[in-house]
Amino acid sequence: MKIHINNYKHLPEFIRLNERWISHFFELEESDKALAKHPEKIIDDGGYVISLTDTDQVAAVCALFHKDKDTYELARMTVHPDYRGQGLAHQLMDVCFQQLKKINAQKVYLISNTQLKAAMQLYKQHGFITTHRGPHPDYQRADIVMEKIFGNKNL
């Protein structure tokens, strides 16, 4: 797999893959539709879109939304159905942590749903801890917030 950070050419596939998994488990929300119209805003606002490719096929994607000076939100992580079960989510997580270390970020958090058992396991394996349970103001589908606070020694 080849790693790409902020490849604007991959943004349409980033949106397509995310809409596919969201629609599989939940319903698309207004924030999803707004992001689909302007996914470049993630990068333009100081964030990162990470993609893994197999030849020319985008196999997995995620984003780090820049929230403030030292804080990022890990979001929109998904793996193409043809590539699931190959450890690509772990690879994405490692790339995210490398990028966060490179920019000296202090905290990364995520918003998810506890029904996504594989995702919950992935996040716990990578050191995320729960900071909030229950309804979330930004997403109808969300019921958990997790974060990882780190210095360079913990990445």
C-alpha atoms as a PDB file:
ATOM      1  CA  MET A   1       0.000   0.000   0.000  1.00  0.00           C
ATOM      2  CA  LYS A   2       1.157   3.487  -0.797  1.00  0.00           C
ATOM      3  CA  ILE A   3       0.475   6.299   1.693  1.00  0.00           C
ATOM      4  CA  HIS A   4      -0.843   9.654   0.480  1.00  0.00           C
ATOM      5  CA  ILE A   5      -1.318  12.748   2.604  1.00  0.00           C
ATOM      6  CA  ASN A   6      -3.489  15.550   1.224  1.00  0.00           C
ATOM      7  CA  ASN A   7      -3.815  14.226  -2.309  1.00  0.00           C
ATOM      8  CA  TYR A   8      -6.592  16.414  -3.703  1.00  0.00           C
ATOM      9  CA  LYS A   9      -7.212  13.865  -6.473  1.00  0.00           C
ATOM     10  CA  HIS A  10      -8.366  11.364  -3.827  1.00  0.00           C
ATOM     11  CA  LEU A  11     -11.027  13.644  -2.308  1.00  0.00           C
ATOM     12  CA  PRO A  12     -13.909  12.352  -4.484  1.00  0.00           C
ATOM     13  CA  GLU A  13     -13.102   8.766  -3.451  1.00  0.00           C
ATOM     14  CA  PHE A  14     -12.719   9.883   0.173  1.00  0.00           C
ATOM     15  CA  ILE A  15     -16.285  11.227   0.053  1.00  0.00           C
ATOM     16  CA  ARG A  16     -17.648   8.221  -1.864  1.00  0.00           C
ATOM     17  CA  LEU A  17     -16.180   5.681   0.569  1.00  0.00           C
ATOM     18  CA  ASN A  18     -17.425   7.631   3.573  1.00  0.00           C
ATOM     19  CA  GLU A  19     -20.927   8.060   2.212  1.00  0.00           C
ATOM     20  CA  ARG A  20     -20.982   4.340   1.486  1.00  0.00           C
ATOM     21  CA  TRP A  21     -20.160   3.235   5.052  1.00  0.00           C
ATOM     22  CA  ILE A  22     -22.316   5.911   6.699  1.00  0.00           C
ATOM     23  CA  SER A  23     -25.302   4.904   4.556  1.00  0.00           C
ATOM     24  CA  HIS A  24     -24.699   1.248   5.388  1.00  0.00           C
ATOM     25  CA  PHE A  25     -25.040   1.804   9.152  1.00  0.00           C
ATOM     26  CA  PHE A  26     -26.812   5.158   9.518  1.00  0.00           C
ATOM     27  CA  GLU A  27     -28.256   8.015   7.475  1.00  0.00           C
ATOM     28  CA  LEU A  28     -26.297  10.833   5.886  1.00  0.00           C
ATOM     29  CA  GLU A  29     -26.621  14.011   7.928  1.00  0.00           C
ATOM     30  CA  GLU A  30     -26.373  17.678   6.942  1.00  0.00           C
ATOM     31  CA  SER A  31     -22.723  17.834   8.038  1.00  0.00           C
ATOM     32  CA  ASP A  32     -21.951  14.885   5.729  1.00  0.00           C
ATOM     33  CA  LYS A  33     -23.619  16.636   2.799  1.00  0.00           C
ATOM     34  CA  ALA A  34     -21.799  19.898   3.518  1.00  0.00           C
ATOM     35  CA  LEU A  35     -18.427  18.123   3.647  1.00  0.00           C
ATOM     36  CA  ALA A  36     -19.193  16.329   0.376  1.00  0.00           C
ATOM     37  CA  LYS A  37     -19.613  19.696  -1.348  1.00  0.00           C
ATOM     38  CA  HIS A  38     -16.229  21.003  -0.166  1.00  0.00           C
ATOM     39  CA  PRO A  39     -13.926  18.222   1.077  1.00  0.00           C
ATOM     40  CA  GLU A  40     -10.886  20.359   0.225  1.00  0.00           C
ATOM     41  CA  LYS A  41     -11.846  22.502   3.230  1.00  0.00           C
ATOM     42  CA  ILE A  42     -10.293  19.826   5.495  1.00  0.00           C
ATOM     43  CA  ILE A  43      -6.869  20.478   3.967  1.00  0.00           C
ATOM     44  CA  ASP A  44      -7.352  24.205   3.456  1.00  0.00           C
ATOM     45  CA  ASP A  45      -8.194  24.583   7.176  1.00  0.00           C
ATOM     46  CA  GLY A  46      -4.937  22.911   8.241  1.00  0.00           C
ATOM     47  CA  GLY A  47      -6.110  19.312   8.429  1.00  0.00           C
ATOM     48  CA  TYR A  48      -5.099  16.174   6.615  1.00  0.00           C
ATOM     49  CA  VAL A  49      -6.768  13.613   4.387  1.00  0.00           C
ATOM     50  CA  ILE A  50      -4.880  10.348   4.429  1.00  0.00           C
ATOM     51  CA  SER A  51      -5.403   7.665   1.834  1.00  0.00           C
ATOM     52  CA  LEU A  52      -3.859   4.280   1.171  1.00  0.00           C
ATOM     53  CA  THR A  53      -3.761   3.047  -2.391  1.00  0.00           C
ATOM     54  CA  ASP A  54      -3.207  -0.306  -4.039  1.00  0.00           C
ATOM     55  CA  THR A  55      -1.965   0.585  -7.523  1.00  0.00           C
ATOM     56  CA  ASP A  56      -4.547   3.239  -8.532  1.00  0.00           C
ATOM     57  CA  GLN A  57      -7.340   2.024  -6.233  1.00  0.00           C
ATOM     58  CA  VAL A  58      -8.003   4.011  -3.044  1.00  0.00           C
ATOM     59  CA  ALA A  59      -8.260   1.243  -0.460  1.00  0.00           C
ATOM     60  CA  ALA A  60      -8.639   3.176   2.800  1.00  0.00           C
ATOM     61  CA  VAL A  61      -9.098   6.767   3.952  1.00  0.00           C
ATOM     62  CA  CYS A  62      -9.372   8.959   7.008  1.00  0.00           C
ATOM     63  CA  ALA A  63      -9.066  12.599   7.990  1.00  0.00           C
ATOM     64  CA  LEU A  64      -7.548  14.689  10.724  1.00  0.00           C
ATOM     65  CA  PHE A  65      -9.650  17.835  11.123  1.00  0.00           C
ATOM     66  CA  HIS A  66      -7.688  20.739  12.618  1.00  0.00           C
ATOM     67  CA  LYS A  67      -9.684  21.980  15.612  1.00  0.00           C
ATOM     68  CA  ASP A  68      -7.286  24.338  17.357  1.00  0.00           C
ATOM     69  CA  LYS A  69      -3.552  24.905  17.779  1.00  0.00           C
ATOM     70  CA  ASP A  70      -2.703  21.470  19.215  1.00  0.00           C
ATOM     71  CA  THR A  71      -5.933  19.473  18.764  1.00  0.00           C
ATOM     72  CA  TYR A  72      -7.177  17.380  15.856  1.00  0.00           C
ATOM     73  CA  GLU A  73     -10.253  15.246  15.292  1.00  0.00           C
ATOM     74  CA  LEU A  74      -9.718  11.824  13.765  1.00  0.00           C
ATOM     75  CA  ALA A  75     -12.697  11.304  11.484  1.00  0.00           C
ATOM     76  CA  ARG A  76     -14.099   9.603   8.422  1.00  0.00           C
ATOM     77  CA  MET A  77     -11.966   6.466   8.686  1.00  0.00           C
ATOM     78  CA  THR A  78     -13.121   3.709   6.379  1.00  0.00           C
ATOM     79  CA  VAL A  79     -11.718   0.851   4.335  1.00  0.00           C
ATOM     80  CA  HIS A  80     -13.025  -0.153   0.911  1.00  0.00           C
ATOM     81  CA  PRO A  81     -15.011  -3.411   1.281  1.00  0.00           C
ATOM     82  CA  ASP A  82     -12.596  -5.278  -1.013  1.00  0.00           C
ATOM     83  CA  TYR A  83      -9.697  -4.485   1.333  1.00  0.00           C
ATOM     84  CA  ARG A  84     -11.219  -5.141   4.752  1.00  0.00           C
ATOM     85  CA  GLY A  85      -9.506  -7.574   7.092  1.00  0.00           C
ATOM     86  CA  GLN A  86      -6.001  -6.647   5.923  1.00  0.00           C
ATOM     87  CA  GLY A  87      -5.062  -4.344   8.807  1.00  0.00           C
ATOM     88  CA  LEU A  88      -5.465  -1.133   6.824  1.00  0.00           C
ATOM     89  CA  ALA A  89      -7.309   0.641   9.646  1.00  0.00           C
ATOM     90  CA  HIS A  90      -4.318  -0.027  11.911  1.00  0.00           C
ATOM     91  CA  GLN A  91      -2.025   1.301   9.193  1.00  0.00           C
ATOM     92  CA  LEU A  92      -4.163   4.446   8.863  1.00  0.00           C
ATOM     93  CA  MET A  93      -4.011   4.934  12.622  1.00  0.00           C
ATOM     94  CA  ASP A  94      -0.210   4.611  12.577  1.00  0.00           C
ATOM     95  CA  VAL A  95       0.074   7.158   9.754  1.00  0.00           C
ATOM     96  CA  CYS A  96      -2.206   9.543  11.671  1.00  0.00           C
ATOM     97  CA  PHE A  97      -0.061   9.252  14.794  1.00  0.00           C
ATOM     98  CA  GLN A  98       3.111   9.814  12.756  1.00  0.00           C
ATOM     99  CA  GLN A  99       1.586  12.953  11.237  1.00  0.00           C
ATOM    100  CA  LEU A 100       0.417  14.212  14.627  1.00  0.00           C
ATOM    101  CA  LYS A 101       3.887  13.634  16.065  1.00  0.00           C
ATOM    102  CA  LYS A 102       5.456  15.495  13.150  1.00  0.00           C
ATOM    103  CA  ILE A 103       3.330  18.588  13.867  1.00  0.00           C
ATOM    104  CA  ASN A 104       3.624  18.295  17.682  1.00  0.00           C
ATOM    105  CA  ALA A 105      -0.111  17.880  18.272  1.00  0.00           C
ATOM    106  CA  GLN A 106      -1.077  17.359  21.897  1.00  0.00           C
ATOM    107  CA  LYS A 107      -4.500  15.760  21.554  1.00  0.00           C
ATOM    108  CA  VAL A 108      -6.576  13.834  19.064  1.00  0.00           C
ATOM    109  CA  TYR A 109     -10.201  12.924  19.636  1.00  0.00           C
ATOM    110  CA  LEU A 110     -12.891  11.104  17.728  1.00  0.00           C
ATOM    111  CA  ILE A 111     -16.664  10.935  17.686  1.00  0.00           C
ATOM    112  CA  SER A 112     -18.216   7.538  16.992  1.00  0.00           C
ATOM    113  CA  ASN A 113     -20.950   5.054  17.799  1.00  0.00           C
ATOM    114  CA  THR A 114     -20.612   2.158  20.217  1.00  0.00           C
ATOM    115  CA  GLN A 115     -22.505  -0.143  17.823  1.00  0.00           C
ATOM    116  CA  LEU A 116     -19.406  -0.115  15.597  1.00  0.00           C
ATOM    117  CA  LYS A 117     -17.685  -2.886  17.577  1.00  0.00           C
ATOM    118  CA  ALA A 118     -14.617  -3.266  15.327  1.00  0.00           C
ATOM    119  CA  ALA A 119     -14.030   0.481  15.414  1.00  0.00           C
ATOM    120  CA  MET A 120     -14.355   0.584  19.208  1.00  0.00           C
ATOM    121  CA  GLN A 121     -11.798  -2.204  19.517  1.00  0.00           C
ATOM    122  CA  LEU A 122      -9.429  -0.429  17.111  1.00  0.00           C
ATOM    123  CA  TYR A 123      -9.612   2.828  19.034  1.00  0.00           C
ATOM    124  CA  LYS A 124      -8.994   1.142  22.390  1.00  0.00           C
ATOM    125  CA  GLN A 125      -6.043  -0.806  20.963  1.00  0.00           C
ATOM    126  CA  HIS A 126      -4.498   2.479  19.886  1.00  0.00           C
ATOM    127  CA  GLY A 127      -4.848   4.121  23.281  1.00  0.00           C
ATOM    128  CA  PHE A 128      -8.041   6.149  22.991  1.00  0.00           C
ATOM    129  CA  ILE A 129     -10.076   6.556  26.173  1.00  0.00           C
ATOM    130  CA  THR A 130     -13.750   7.463  26.517  1.00  0.00           C
ATOM    131  CA  THR A 131     -14.449  11.046  27.563  1.00  0.00           C
ATOM    132  CA  HIS A 132     -18.204  11.215  26.864  1.00  0.00           C
ATOM    133  CA  ARG A 133     -21.073   8.748  26.418  1.00  0.00           C
ATOM    134  CA  GLY A 134     -24.513   9.679  25.167  1.00  0.00           C
ATOM    135  CA  PRO A 135     -26.036  11.846  22.447  1.00  0.00           C
ATOM    136  CA  HIS A 136     -23.702  14.189  20.596  1.00  0.00           C
ATOM    137  CA  PRO A 137     -24.711  17.698  19.443  1.00  0.00           C
ATOM    138  CA  ASP A 138     -22.995  17.427  16.039  1.00  0.00           C
ATOM    139  CA  TYR A 139     -24.072  13.968  14.853  1.00  0.00           C
ATOM    140  CA  GLN A 140     -27.332  12.097  15.373  1.00  0.00           C
ATOM    141  CA  ARG A 141     -25.451   8.818  14.882  1.00  0.00           C
ATOM    142  CA  ALA A 142     -22.816   9.510  17.559  1.00  0.00           C
ATOM    143  CA  ASP A 143     -22.946   8.281  21.154  1.00  0.00           C
ATOM    144  CA  ILE A 144     -19.288   8.311  22.239  1.00  0.00           C
ATOM    145  CA  VAL A 145     -16.317  10.672  22.263  1.00  0.00           C
ATOM    146  CA  MET A 146     -12.827   9.258  22.783  1.00  0.00           C
ATOM    147  CA  GLU A 147      -9.472  10.974  22.959  1.00  0.00           C
ATOM    148  CA  LYS A 148      -5.783  10.342  23.133  1.00  0.00           C
ATOM    149  CA  ILE A 149      -3.541  12.899  24.789  1.00  0.00           C
ATOM    150  CA  PHE A 150       0.104  12.510  24.071  1.00  0.00           C
ATOM    151  CA  GLY A 151       3.548  13.883  24.039  1.00  0.00           C
ATOM    152  CA  ASN A 152       6.151  12.550  21.660  1.00  0.00           C
ATOM    153  CA  LYS A 153       7.026   9.702  24.043  1.00  0.00           C
ATOM    154  CA  ASN A 154       3.587   8.056  23.688  1.00  0.00           C
ATOM    155  CA  LEU A 155       3.273   8.025  19.911  1.00  0.00           C
END
